[in-house]
C-alpha cells in the first residue's frame, strides 16, 4: 500500500510511459522517479524542506503534472489558477504562507511581482519542447543554509488547496500523502485501471479533479497520463486521434462542448481506443450521459468528489454492474452516510446531509476552528450536500444545502428543475438558481442555452415545465443566453448567478 507519492510511483514499470503530451516525447516511470529525486535535491539546495509550501503557477501541460508530483515528493504543493489577478495572488500567497513560487521561465504573471513584494522566493521553471514531457529545471536564488530534510513522509502535507469560497472566505484544505494516495488508489480501483491505460487529461491542474482524477489515479496504476495545454473542444478530437487514450475525465460542461463537435469527427470516434468516459465535480444531466454513451459507444461513469475528500467519494461502477443516470453511484473509497440535522444517521431512502469518513478525507481545515466545529462531527465530515441512498445503495445528490431555493418556505432542489428543463428538445444547458424576492425571500429562475438552430420562448418552456413540476417549482424568470457563466474549472455556478446576470430583487418582485 502506497503511503507517499514516491511510494506510489514505485509501481510503474521502468520503461513504461508515465507522463506524455501531444507532439512530445514521453517520460518513463524511471525517468519520472529520477526527475522527482532531482527536484527534491534542488529544493533542498534552495533551503526548502518538508512541509514548506510551494505555490505553483503554471499553464496546463506535462510540466505542471510533473511539478505537482516531483515537488510533493519533498515539500508541499499549492497549485494556483494562473488567471488570478494581482489582488487574488496577494490573498492566496499570503494565506498559504508560501515559502516559494514556481512559475514558467519568463512568465510575466502578476504572481511574480506579488511574491517579490511579499519576500517569497521565485523559482523559474525552464523546459524545452524537445525535452521529454514533464522534464524541467528550476532556477532561482539559493538559500544560505540548504535544508537537510529527506523525502516527504506519509503524514506530511502533499497538497493544499482552497475551497471555492462562493459564500464565504476560502478555507485552506490540507491533504496529506496518506489522503491523496488513498484517493488515487480508490479512483484507480473504481475504473479498473491497468498499466496499458492512457488518460487524456483536459482538466485544469490547479484543481483536485485533474490532479487526482487524472494524474495521480493513473500513476497509482502504473498507467500513463497525457497532458495537452488545457481544454480545447476544437482540438480534442485531434488529441483523441494522436494520443489514443483509453479514457478521459471532465466536468459536464466540457462533455457538452465535446458533444457539440462530435458529428464532424465520427471517423475519429469510431477508430478511438476509449473504453470509458468519466464525469465528476458537478451533476451530469442524464440526457448528456445518454448522448455521450450513444456517440462514443462506451460507458459513462459519473463520480462524486470534492476537495476535502481528495476528490472521489462515490462512483457509478463499470459494467456489468449498473450505472444509474442521475445517481453518483456507490461509495467508492470512504464510508458514506446520511445525517439528519441533529447528526443522526438516516435510513435508506431518507433525504439528509451526505457525510463521509475515511483515509482520503482531510483531518480538518487549517487555522479555522469555527469551520471545523461545523463541518466535522465525531469523525464524520459534513459535505454540505443533500442526498439519499436508494434501495440498491446508490447515492443520489439532490443539491447543495446552500443552493436549495427557499420560496416562501417551500424548498426546491435546483437539480430537479434542471432535469425537467433539459428534457425539452430545444434545451442544451439549464441552470436553475435562486432569485431574490421581496415577499417570498427567494423565487425560482433558470438560465438556458438553446441547441443550435432551435427557438423557444419563455412561456413555452414554462408551460413545458408546468406539465411535470408543481407550480411553485416552475421558474418564474427564464433568461436565454449564448453561454452560461462558469467558474475557473468549467463548472456552472448557481450561487451569485442572479447578480452576474444583473437580475435584481425589484425585477423578481415585478414578476
Protein backbone atom coordinates (compact mmCIF):
# COMPACT_ATOMS: atom_id res chain seq x y z
CA UNK A 1 0.00 0.00 0.00
CA UNK A 2 1.40 3.41 -1.01
CA UNK A 3 1.76 5.92 1.81
CA UNK A 4 3.61 8.65 -0.10
CA UNK A 5 3.61 9.83 -3.68
CA UNK A 6 7.14 8.44 -4.10
CA UNK A 7 5.93 5.05 -2.88
CA UNK A 8 3.05 5.27 -5.33
CA UNK A 9 5.42 5.98 -8.23
CA UNK A 10 7.40 2.83 -7.45
CA UNK A 11 4.66 0.69 -9.01
CA UNK A 12 5.28 1.73 -12.60
CA UNK A 13 7.49 -0.43 -14.81
CA UNK A 14 10.84 1.21 -15.54
CA UNK A 15 10.30 1.72 -19.27
CA UNK A 16 6.54 2.22 -19.21
CA UNK A 17 5.19 5.68 -20.11
CA UNK A 18 4.25 7.78 -17.07
CA UNK A 19 3.64 11.28 -18.46
CA UNK A 20 3.06 12.23 -22.08
CA UNK A 21 1.70 15.08 -24.17
CA UNK A 22 0.69 15.62 -27.79
CA UNK A 23 3.71 16.07 -30.08
CA UNK A 24 6.15 15.38 -27.23
CA UNK A 25 8.49 12.51 -26.27
CA UNK A 26 7.02 10.73 -23.24
CA UNK A 27 8.64 10.37 -19.82
CA UNK A 28 9.02 6.84 -18.45
CA UNK A 29 8.49 5.82 -14.84
CA UNK A 30 12.25 5.50 -14.38
CA UNK A 31 12.60 8.99 -15.82
CA UNK A 32 9.88 10.42 -13.60
CA UNK A 33 11.33 8.81 -10.47
CA UNK A 34 14.77 10.20 -11.28
CA UNK A 35 13.28 13.62 -12.03
CA UNK A 36 11.42 13.64 -8.72
CA UNK A 37 14.62 12.79 -6.84
CA UNK A 38 16.49 15.56 -8.66
CA UNK A 39 13.71 18.06 -7.97
CA UNK A 40 13.77 17.29 -4.25
CA UNK A 41 17.57 17.73 -4.20
CA UNK A 42 17.19 21.09 -5.98
CA UNK A 43 14.56 22.23 -3.48
CA UNK A 44 16.86 21.30 -0.62
CA UNK A 45 19.61 23.44 -2.20
CA UNK A 46 17.15 26.32 -2.18
CA UNK A 47 16.60 25.78 1.56
CA UNK A 48 13.15 24.27 1.07
CA UNK A 49 12.28 21.39 3.38
CA UNK A 50 9.43 19.01 4.08
CA UNK A 51 6.05 20.73 4.57
CA UNK A 52 7.36 24.04 3.23
CA UNK A 53 4.71 25.37 0.88
CA UNK A 54 5.49 25.89 -2.78
CA UNK A 55 2.90 27.80 -4.79
CA UNK A 56 2.84 26.58 -8.41
CA UNK A 57 1.52 28.89 -11.13
CA UNK A 58 1.95 27.05 -14.43
CA UNK A 59 -0.18 26.52 -17.52
CA UNK A 60 -1.75 23.12 -18.08
CA UNK A 61 0.59 20.60 -19.59
CA UNK A 62 3.05 17.84 -18.71
CA UNK A 63 5.35 20.17 -16.75
CA UNK A 64 2.50 21.11 -14.42
CA UNK A 65 1.66 17.43 -13.85
CA UNK A 66 5.31 16.59 -13.23
CA UNK A 67 5.84 19.60 -10.95
CA UNK A 68 2.93 18.53 -8.77
CA UNK A 69 4.33 15.02 -8.34
CA UNK A 70 8.01 15.98 -8.07
CA UNK A 71 7.60 18.91 -5.67
CA UNK A 72 5.23 16.90 -3.46
CA UNK A 73 7.93 14.25 -3.14
CA UNK A 74 9.85 16.64 -0.91
CA UNK A 75 7.64 19.61 0.01
CA UNK A 76 4.01 20.77 -0.05
CA UNK A 77 2.42 21.78 -3.36
CA UNK A 78 -0.06 24.64 -3.65
CA UNK A 79 -1.24 24.94 -7.28
CA UNK A 80 -2.93 28.25 -8.09
CA UNK A 81 -5.03 29.36 -11.05
CA UNK A 82 -2.74 31.23 -13.49
CA UNK A 83 -5.67 33.51 -14.38
CA UNK A 84 -5.79 35.12 -10.93
CA UNK A 85 -5.27 38.87 -10.70
CA UNK A 86 -2.78 40.72 -8.50
CA UNK A 87 -5.12 41.02 -5.50
CA UNK A 88 -6.05 37.35 -5.68
CA UNK A 89 -2.41 36.25 -5.75
CA UNK A 90 -1.75 38.57 -2.82
CA UNK A 91 -4.50 36.85 -0.82
CA UNK A 92 -3.59 33.26 -1.69
CA UNK A 93 0.19 33.57 -1.38
CA UNK A 94 -0.19 35.33 1.98
CA UNK A 95 -2.87 32.95 3.25
CA UNK A 96 -0.77 29.93 2.29
CA UNK A 97 2.36 31.37 3.89
CA UNK A 98 4.18 30.19 0.77
CA UNK A 99 7.95 29.84 1.02
CA UNK A 100 8.50 29.81 -2.75
CA UNK A 101 6.65 30.34 -6.02
CA UNK A 102 7.27 28.29 -9.17
CA UNK A 103 6.47 29.99 -12.49
CA UNK A 104 7.47 29.31 -16.08
CA UNK A 105 10.69 30.91 -17.23
CA UNK A 106 9.93 34.41 -18.49
CA UNK A 107 6.33 34.36 -17.26
CA UNK A 108 5.03 37.88 -16.62
CA UNK A 109 2.29 36.66 -14.27
CA UNK A 110 1.32 39.19 -11.60
CA UNK A 111 2.16 36.38 -9.15
CA UNK A 112 5.86 37.16 -9.66
CA UNK A 113 5.57 40.80 -8.60
CA UNK A 114 3.35 39.83 -5.67
CA UNK A 115 5.82 37.18 -4.50
CA UNK A 116 8.72 39.63 -4.62
CA UNK A 117 6.64 42.17 -2.73
CA UNK A 118 5.94 39.58 -0.04
CA UNK A 119 9.54 38.39 0.12
CA UNK A 120 8.72 34.95 -1.35
CA UNK A 121 11.46 33.15 -3.31
CA UNK A 122 10.67 32.92 -7.04
CA UNK A 123 11.85 29.78 -8.84
CA UNK A 124 11.68 29.78 -12.63
CA UNK A 125 10.85 26.52 -14.36
CA UNK A 126 12.52 26.03 -17.72
CA UNK A 127 11.77 23.30 -20.24
CA UNK A 128 12.17 22.75 -23.97
CA UNK A 129 9.69 21.26 -26.47
CA UNK A 130 12.41 18.77 -27.41
CA UNK A 131 12.74 17.56 -23.80
CA UNK A 132 10.75 14.59 -22.57
CA UNK A 133 7.26 15.63 -21.46
CA UNK A 134 7.34 16.86 -17.87
CA UNK A 135 11.10 17.31 -17.50
CA UNK A 136 12.26 20.72 -16.30
CA UNK A 137 14.94 22.61 -14.40
CA UNK A 138 14.38 25.09 -11.57
CA UNK A 139 16.43 28.28 -11.40
CA UNK A 140 16.49 30.78 -8.55
CA UNK A 141 18.50 32.24 -5.71
CA UNK A 142 19.91 29.56 -3.42
CA UNK A 143 19.37 29.93 0.30
CA UNK A 144 22.31 30.47 2.62
CA UNK A 145 21.50 27.26 4.51
CA UNK A 146 20.41 24.24 2.45
CA UNK A 147 17.78 22.01 4.03
CA UNK A 148 18.83 18.56 5.21
CA UNK A 149 15.30 17.11 5.17
CA UNK A 150 14.79 13.82 3.34
CA UNK A 151 11.79 12.73 1.28
CA UNK A 152 8.23 13.51 2.38
CA UNK A 153 6.57 11.13 4.85
CA UNK A 154 3.05 9.72 4.92
CA UNK A 155 1.74 12.28 7.43
CA UNK A 156 3.35 15.23 5.65
CA UNK A 157 1.06 17.52 3.69
CA UNK A 158 1.37 16.81 -0.02
CA UNK A 159 -1.18 19.30 -1.32
CA UNK A 160 -3.02 22.36 -0.05
CA UNK A 161 -5.98 23.82 -1.91
CA UNK A 162 -8.54 26.46 -1.08
CA UNK A 163 -12.26 25.83 -1.15
CA UNK A 164 -14.11 27.88 -3.72
CA UNK A 165 -15.27 30.47 -1.19
CA UNK A 166 -18.53 31.10 -3.09
CA UNK A 167 -20.37 32.28 0.01
CA UNK A 168 -17.54 32.83 2.49
CA UNK A 169 -13.80 33.36 2.79
CA UNK A 170 -11.96 30.48 1.06
CA UNK A 171 -10.78 27.81 3.52
CA UNK A 172 -7.43 26.01 3.32
CA UNK A 173 -7.73 22.24 2.85
CA UNK A 174 -4.51 20.40 3.74
CA UNK A 175 -4.23 16.92 2.21
CA UNK A 176 -1.57 14.51 3.45
CA UNK A 177 0.29 11.94 1.38
CA UNK A 178 -1.93 9.33 3.02
CA UNK A 179 -5.03 11.24 1.88
CA UNK A 180 -4.00 11.70 -1.75
CA UNK A 181 -2.57 8.20 -2.19
CA UNK A 182 -5.72 6.64 -0.74
CA UNK A 183 -7.87 8.66 -3.14
CA UNK A 184 -5.66 7.80 -6.12
CA UNK A 185 -5.98 4.10 -5.33
CA UNK A 186 -9.76 4.44 -4.89
CA UNK A 187 -10.17 6.01 -8.34
CA UNK A 188 -7.81 3.52 -9.96
CA UNK A 189 -9.75 0.63 -8.42
CA UNK A 190 -13.14 2.06 -9.43
CA UNK A 191 -12.07 2.36 -13.06
CA UNK A 192 -10.07 -0.91 -13.09
CA UNK A 193 -7.04 0.97 -14.41
CA UNK A 194 -4.09 -1.11 -15.62
CA UNK A 195 -0.64 -0.26 -16.92
CA UNK A 196 -1.84 -0.15 -20.55
CA UNK A 197 -4.42 2.57 -19.83
CA UNK A 198 -3.82 6.05 -21.19
CA UNK A 199 -5.67 9.03 -19.72
CA UNK A 200 -6.16 12.23 -21.70
CA UNK A 201 -6.27 14.99 -19.09
CA UNK A 202 -8.34 18.01 -20.09
CA UNK A 203 -8.99 19.25 -16.55
CA UNK A 204 -7.06 22.23 -15.15
CA UNK A 205 -4.22 21.04 -12.92
CA UNK A 206 -4.80 23.64 -10.23
CA UNK A 207 -7.98 21.69 -9.39
CA UNK A 208 -8.39 18.50 -7.38
CA UNK A 209 -10.26 16.76 -10.22
CA UNK A 210 -7.35 16.98 -12.65
CA UNK A 211 -4.63 16.35 -10.05
CA UNK A 212 -6.29 13.28 -8.54
CA UNK A 213 -8.92 12.12 -11.01
CA UNK A 214 -6.49 12.08 -13.95
CA UNK A 215 -2.84 12.38 -12.89
CA UNK A 216 -2.39 10.55 -9.60
CA UNK A 217 -5.01 7.86 -10.28
CA UNK A 218 -3.13 6.96 -13.47
CA UNK A 219 0.25 6.87 -11.75
CA UNK A 220 -1.20 4.73 -8.95
CA UNK A 221 -1.98 2.08 -11.58
CA UNK A 222 1.37 2.27 -13.34
CA UNK A 223 -0.56 3.74 -16.29
CA UNK A 224 0.09 6.92 -18.27
CA UNK A 225 -1.46 10.38 -18.25
CA UNK A 226 -1.19 12.66 -21.29
CA UNK A 227 -1.46 16.39 -20.71
CA UNK A 228 -2.32 18.80 -23.54
CA UNK A 229 -2.20 22.56 -22.89
CA UNK A 230 -5.65 22.86 -21.35
CA UNK A 231 -9.13 22.01 -22.57
CA UNK A 232 -9.97 22.96 -26.15
CA UNK A 233 -13.05 21.44 -27.77
CA UNK A 234 -11.68 22.38 -31.21
CA UNK A 235 -8.53 20.29 -30.66
CA UNK A 236 -9.97 17.48 -28.53
CA UNK A 237 -10.54 15.08 -31.43
CA UNK A 238 -7.04 15.63 -32.82
CA UNK A 239 -5.69 14.68 -29.38
CA UNK A 240 -8.04 11.69 -29.33
CA UNK A 241 -6.52 10.55 -32.62
CA UNK A 242 -2.87 11.19 -31.67
CA UNK A 243 -2.78 10.09 -28.01
CA UNK A 244 -5.30 7.24 -28.45
CA UNK A 245 -6.43 7.45 -24.80
CA UNK A 246 -8.46 4.68 -23.21
CA UNK A 247 -10.33 7.21 -21.06
CA UNK A 248 -10.71 10.83 -20.12
CA UNK A 249 -12.35 12.63 -17.21
CA UNK A 250 -14.07 16.03 -17.32
CA UNK A 251 -16.83 18.23 -15.91
CA UNK A 252 -20.26 18.18 -17.62
CA UNK A 253 -19.80 21.48 -19.47
CA UNK A 254 -16.67 20.05 -21.14
CA UNK A 255 -18.53 16.89 -22.16
CA UNK A 256 -21.24 19.07 -23.70
CA UNK A 257 -18.67 21.11 -25.63
CA UNK A 258 -17.14 17.87 -26.94
CA UNK A 259 -20.55 16.56 -27.98
CA UNK A 260 -21.22 19.76 -29.91
CA UNK A 261 -18.32 18.87 -32.25
CA UNK A 262 -18.77 15.10 -32.32
CA UNK A 263 -20.83 14.88 -35.52
CA UNK A 264 -17.97 16.19 -37.69
CA UNK A 265 -15.47 13.79 -36.07
CA UNK A 266 -17.30 10.48 -36.38
CA UNK A 267 -14.40 8.63 -38.05
CA UNK A 268 -12.01 9.55 -35.23
CA UNK A 269 -14.58 8.44 -32.65
CA UNK A 270 -15.19 5.12 -34.39
CA UNK A 271 -11.44 4.48 -34.56
CA UNK A 272 -10.71 5.53 -30.97
CA UNK A 273 -9.42 3.30 -28.15
CA UNK A 274 -11.75 4.71 -25.49
CA UNK A 275 -13.13 2.14 -23.06
CA UNK A 276 -14.81 4.60 -20.66
CA UNK A 277 -15.57 8.28 -20.06
CA UNK A 278 -15.62 9.68 -16.53
CA UNK A 279 -17.58 12.72 -15.31
CA UNK A 280 -17.23 14.44 -11.94
CA UNK A 281 -17.23 17.74 -9.99
CA UNK A 282 -20.80 18.66 -10.98
CA UNK A 283 -24.05 16.85 -11.64
CA UNK A 284 -24.14 15.21 -15.07
CA UNK A 285 -27.58 15.64 -16.67
CA UNK A 286 -28.96 12.22 -17.58
CA UNK A 287 -29.62 13.48 -21.11
CA UNK A 288 -25.92 14.30 -21.56
CA UNK A 289 -24.90 10.92 -20.17
CA UNK A 290 -27.18 9.15 -22.64
CA UNK A 291 -25.87 11.19 -25.59
CA UNK A 292 -22.24 10.56 -24.62
CA UNK A 293 -22.83 6.81 -24.45
CA UNK A 294 -24.65 6.82 -27.78
CA UNK A 295 -21.99 8.90 -29.56
CA UNK A 296 -18.86 7.26 -28.14
CA UNK A 297 -20.23 3.75 -27.57
CA UNK A 298 -18.57 3.38 -24.15
CA UNK A 299 -19.88 3.53 -20.57
CA UNK A 300 -20.01 6.95 -18.94
CA UNK A 301 -19.04 6.75 -15.26
CA UNK A 302 -20.38 9.57 -13.10
CA UNK A 303 -18.39 10.03 -9.89
CA UNK A 304 -18.83 12.27 -6.86
CA UNK A 305 -15.90 14.22 -5.48
CA UNK A 306 -14.80 17.25 -3.52
CA UNK A 307 -11.56 18.81 -2.33
CA UNK A 308 -11.96 17.79 1.32
CA UNK A 309 -12.05 14.12 0.26
CA UNK A 310 -9.01 14.44 -2.01
CA UNK A 311 -11.61 14.10 -4.76
CA UNK A 312 -13.54 10.82 -5.02
CA UNK A 313 -16.26 9.79 -2.54
CA UNK A 314 -18.67 7.72 -4.63
CA UNK A 315 -18.90 6.48 -8.18
CA UNK A 316 -21.06 4.55 -10.55
CA UNK A 317 -19.34 1.21 -11.26
CA UNK A 318 -18.14 -0.20 -14.55
CA UNK A 319 -20.25 -2.78 -16.39
CA UNK A 320 -21.56 -5.35 -15.77
CA UNK A 321 -22.75 -3.52 -12.64
CA UNK A 322 -25.47 -0.95 -13.19
CA UNK A 323 -24.86 2.71 -13.99
CA UNK A 324 -27.75 4.84 -12.80
CA UNK A 325 -28.32 8.15 -14.61
CA UNK A 326 -28.90 10.91 -12.07
CA UNK A 327 -27.05 8.99 -9.34
CA UNK A 328 -23.41 9.39 -8.29
CA UNK A 329 -23.24 5.67 -7.63
CA UNK A 330 -21.93 3.57 -4.75
CA UNK A 331 -19.49 4.59 -2.00
CA UNK A 332 -16.07 4.32 -3.67
CA UNK A 333 -13.41 4.66 -1.01
CA UNK A 334 -14.62 6.45 2.11
CA UNK A 335 -17.57 5.42 4.27
CA UNK A 336 -20.65 7.43 3.25
CA UNK A 337 -23.81 8.04 5.31
CA UNK A 338 -26.79 10.40 5.50
CA UNK A 339 -27.28 12.62 8.59
CA UNK A 340 -30.32 14.49 9.75
CA UNK A 341 -29.89 17.98 11.23
CA UNK A 342 -29.09 16.56 14.67
CA UNK A 343 -26.33 14.29 13.35
CA UNK A 344 -28.26 11.01 13.48
CA UNK A 345 -27.68 8.51 10.67
CA UNK A 346 -30.76 8.21 8.45
CA UNK A 347 -32.39 5.14 6.94
CA UNK A 348 -32.22 4.21 3.28
CA UNK A 349 -34.44 6.45 1.19
CA UNK A 350 -34.45 9.34 3.65
CA UNK A 351 -33.08 12.68 2.44
CA UNK A 352 -30.43 14.35 4.56
CA UNK A 353 -26.87 15.65 4.54
CA UNK A 354 -24.18 13.47 2.95
CA UNK A 355 -21.31 12.75 5.39
CA UNK A 356 -18.06 10.85 4.85
CA UNK A 357 -15.07 9.48 6.73
CA UNK A 358 -12.01 7.54 5.58
CA UNK A 359 -8.31 7.58 4.77
CA UNK A 360 -8.74 10.04 1.89
CA UNK A 361 -10.58 12.69 3.97
CA UNK A 362 -8.73 15.73 5.33
CA UNK A 363 -8.41 15.94 9.11
CA UNK A 364 -9.69 19.50 9.10
CA UNK A 365 -9.42 22.99 7.67
CA UNK A 366 -6.30 24.87 8.56
CA UNK A 367 -6.49 27.54 11.31
CA UNK A 368 -10.29 27.60 11.17
CA UNK A 369 -11.76 26.16 14.38
CA UNK A 370 -15.20 27.66 13.66
CA UNK A 371 -15.46 25.92 10.27
CA UNK A 372 -14.12 22.68 11.73
CA UNK A 373 -16.68 22.72 14.52
CA UNK A 374 -19.42 23.00 11.91
CA UNK A 375 -18.03 20.62 9.30
CA UNK A 376 -16.64 17.76 11.41
CA UNK A 377 -18.83 15.65 13.68
CA UNK A 378 -17.42 12.68 15.61
CA UNK A 379 -15.03 11.70 12.81
CA UNK A 380 -17.51 12.45 10.02
CA UNK A 381 -17.09 15.28 7.52
CA UNK A 382 -20.31 17.08 6.61
CA UNK A 383 -20.16 17.66 2.85
CA UNK A 384 -22.87 20.32 2.66
CA UNK A 385 -24.62 18.20 0.01
CA UNK A 386 -28.14 16.87 0.37
CA UNK A 387 -28.98 13.40 -0.85
CA UNK A 388 -30.26 9.88 -0.16
CA UNK A 389 -29.46 6.22 -0.78
CA UNK A 390 -31.86 4.15 -2.90
CA UNK A 391 -32.79 0.52 -2.32
CA UNK A 392 -29.65 -0.65 -4.16
CA UNK A 393 -27.29 1.51 -2.12
CA UNK A 394 -26.76 4.09 -4.89
CA UNK A 395 -26.40 7.70 -3.77
CA UNK A 396 -28.42 10.49 -5.37
CA UNK A 397 -27.46 14.10 -4.69
CA UNK A 398 -30.47 16.41 -4.57
CA UNK A 399 -28.39 19.59 -4.30
CA UNK A 400 -26.05 21.71 -2.22
CA UNK A 401 -27.73 22.74 1.00
CA UNK A 402 -26.66 26.34 0.31
CA UNK A 403 -28.20 26.17 -3.17
CA UNK A 404 -31.62 24.84 -2.16
CA UNK A 405 -34.17 27.51 -3.08
CA UNK A 406 -36.46 28.57 -0.22
CA UNK A 407 -39.55 30.05 -1.86
CA UNK A 408 -41.81 31.26 0.92
CA UNK A 409 -41.00 28.15 2.99
CA UNK A 410 -41.23 25.72 0.06
CA UNK A 411 -37.83 24.01 -0.51
CA UNK A 412 -36.86 23.44 -4.15
CA UNK A 413 -33.90 21.42 -5.46
CA UNK A 414 -32.36 23.22 -8.47
CA UNK A 415 -31.14 19.86 -9.82
CA UNK A 416 -34.72 18.57 -10.02
CA UNK A 417 -35.78 21.58 -12.07
CA UNK A 418 -32.66 21.33 -14.29
CA UNK A 419 -33.54 17.73 -15.12
CA UNK A 420 -37.02 18.67 -16.33
CA UNK A 421 -35.88 21.67 -18.36
CA UNK A 422 -33.14 19.59 -20.02
CA UNK A 423 -35.80 17.20 -21.31
CA UNK A 424 -37.05 19.85 -23.73
CA UNK A 425 -35.65 19.06 -27.15
CA UNK A 426 -34.55 22.68 -27.72
CA UNK A 427 -32.56 22.99 -24.48
CA UNK A 428 -28.80 22.31 -24.49
CA UNK A 429 -28.00 23.58 -20.98
CA UNK A 430 -30.10 24.60 -17.99
CA UNK A 431 -29.06 26.05 -14.65
CA UNK A 432 -31.75 26.75 -12.06
CA UNK A 433 -30.93 29.27 -9.34
CA UNK A 434 -32.40 31.41 -6.60
CA UNK A 435 -33.59 34.91 -7.43
CA UNK A 436 -34.16 37.33 -4.52
CA UNK A 437 -37.83 38.18 -3.97
CA UNK A 438 -39.15 40.93 -1.71
CA UNK A 439 -42.09 38.89 -0.36
CA UNK A 440 -41.13 35.21 -0.81
CA UNK A 441 -37.47 35.60 0.12
CA UNK A 442 -36.40 33.67 -2.97
CA UNK A 443 -38.02 32.68 -6.24
CA UNK A 444 -37.05 30.20 -8.94
CA UNK A 445 -35.10 31.35 -12.01
CA UNK A 446 -33.32 29.49 -14.80
CA UNK A 447 -30.59 30.30 -17.29
CA UNK A 448 -30.94 28.44 -20.59
CA UNK A 449 -28.70 27.80 -23.58
CA UNK A 450 -30.58 26.54 -26.64
CA UNK A 451 -29.36 23.93 -29.10
CA UNK A 452 -28.02 25.31 -32.37
CA UNK A 453 -30.84 26.24 -34.70
CA UNK A 454 -33.55 25.89 -32.03
CA UNK A 455 -36.02 28.52 -30.90
CA UNK A 456 -38.08 28.66 -27.72
CA UNK A 457 -39.96 31.30 -25.75
CA UNK A 458 -40.01 31.77 -22.02
CA UNK A 459 -43.73 30.93 -21.94
CA UNK A 460 -43.27 27.75 -23.99
CA UNK A 461 -40.59 26.46 -21.65
CA UNK A 462 -42.54 27.41 -18.55
CA UNK A 463 -45.62 25.62 -19.92
CA UNK A 464 -43.45 22.55 -20.65
CA UNK A 465 -42.07 22.54 -17.09
CA UNK A 466 -45.53 23.05 -15.59
CA UNK A 467 -46.66 19.71 -17.01
CA UNK A 468 -44.16 17.86 -14.79
CA UNK A 469 -43.40 20.18 -11.88
CA UNK A 470 -45.51 21.53 -9.05
CA UNK A 471 -46.47 25.13 -9.75
CA UNK A 472 -44.17 26.56 -7.05
CA UNK A 473 -41.14 24.85 -8.68
CA UNK A 474 -41.69 26.28 -12.18
CA UNK A 475 -39.15 29.07 -12.90
CA UNK A 476 -40.83 32.47 -12.82
CA UNK A 477 -37.88 34.04 -14.61
CA UNK A 478 -36.12 32.40 -17.56
CA UNK A 479 -33.17 34.01 -19.34
CA UNK A 480 -31.78 32.74 -22.64
CA UNK A 481 -28.01 33.06 -23.02
CA UNK A 482 -25.35 32.23 -25.59
CA UNK A 483 -23.22 30.93 -22.74
CA UNK A 484 -23.81 30.48 -19.01
CA UNK A 485 -21.05 31.98 -16.80
CA UNK A 486 -18.70 29.30 -15.44
CA UNK A 487 -16.12 29.08 -12.69
CA UNK A 488 -12.39 28.65 -13.31
CA UNK A 489 -12.70 24.86 -13.60
CA UNK A 490 -15.58 24.92 -16.07
CA UNK A 491 -18.29 24.26 -13.50
CA UNK A 492 -21.60 26.10 -13.69
CA UNK A 493 -22.16 28.13 -10.52
CA UNK A 494 -25.63 28.74 -9.16
CA UNK A 495 -24.74 30.90 -6.17
CA UNK A 496 -24.35 34.50 -7.23
CA UNK A 497 -25.68 33.84 -10.75
CA UNK A 498 -28.56 36.31 -10.28
CA UNK A 499 -26.04 39.09 -9.58
CA UNK A 500 -23.81 38.07 -12.51
CA UNK A 501 -26.80 38.25 -14.84
CA UNK A 502 -27.96 41.60 -13.46
CA UNK A 503 -31.22 40.20 -12.08
CA UNK A 504 -32.42 42.08 -9.01
CA UNK A 505 -34.98 41.76 -6.25
CA UNK A 506 -37.01 44.53 -7.89
CA UNK A 507 -37.27 42.62 -11.17
CA UNK A 508 -38.24 39.48 -9.24
CA UNK A 509 -40.95 41.28 -7.33
CA UNK A 510 -42.39 42.61 -10.55
CA UNK A 511 -42.99 39.12 -11.99
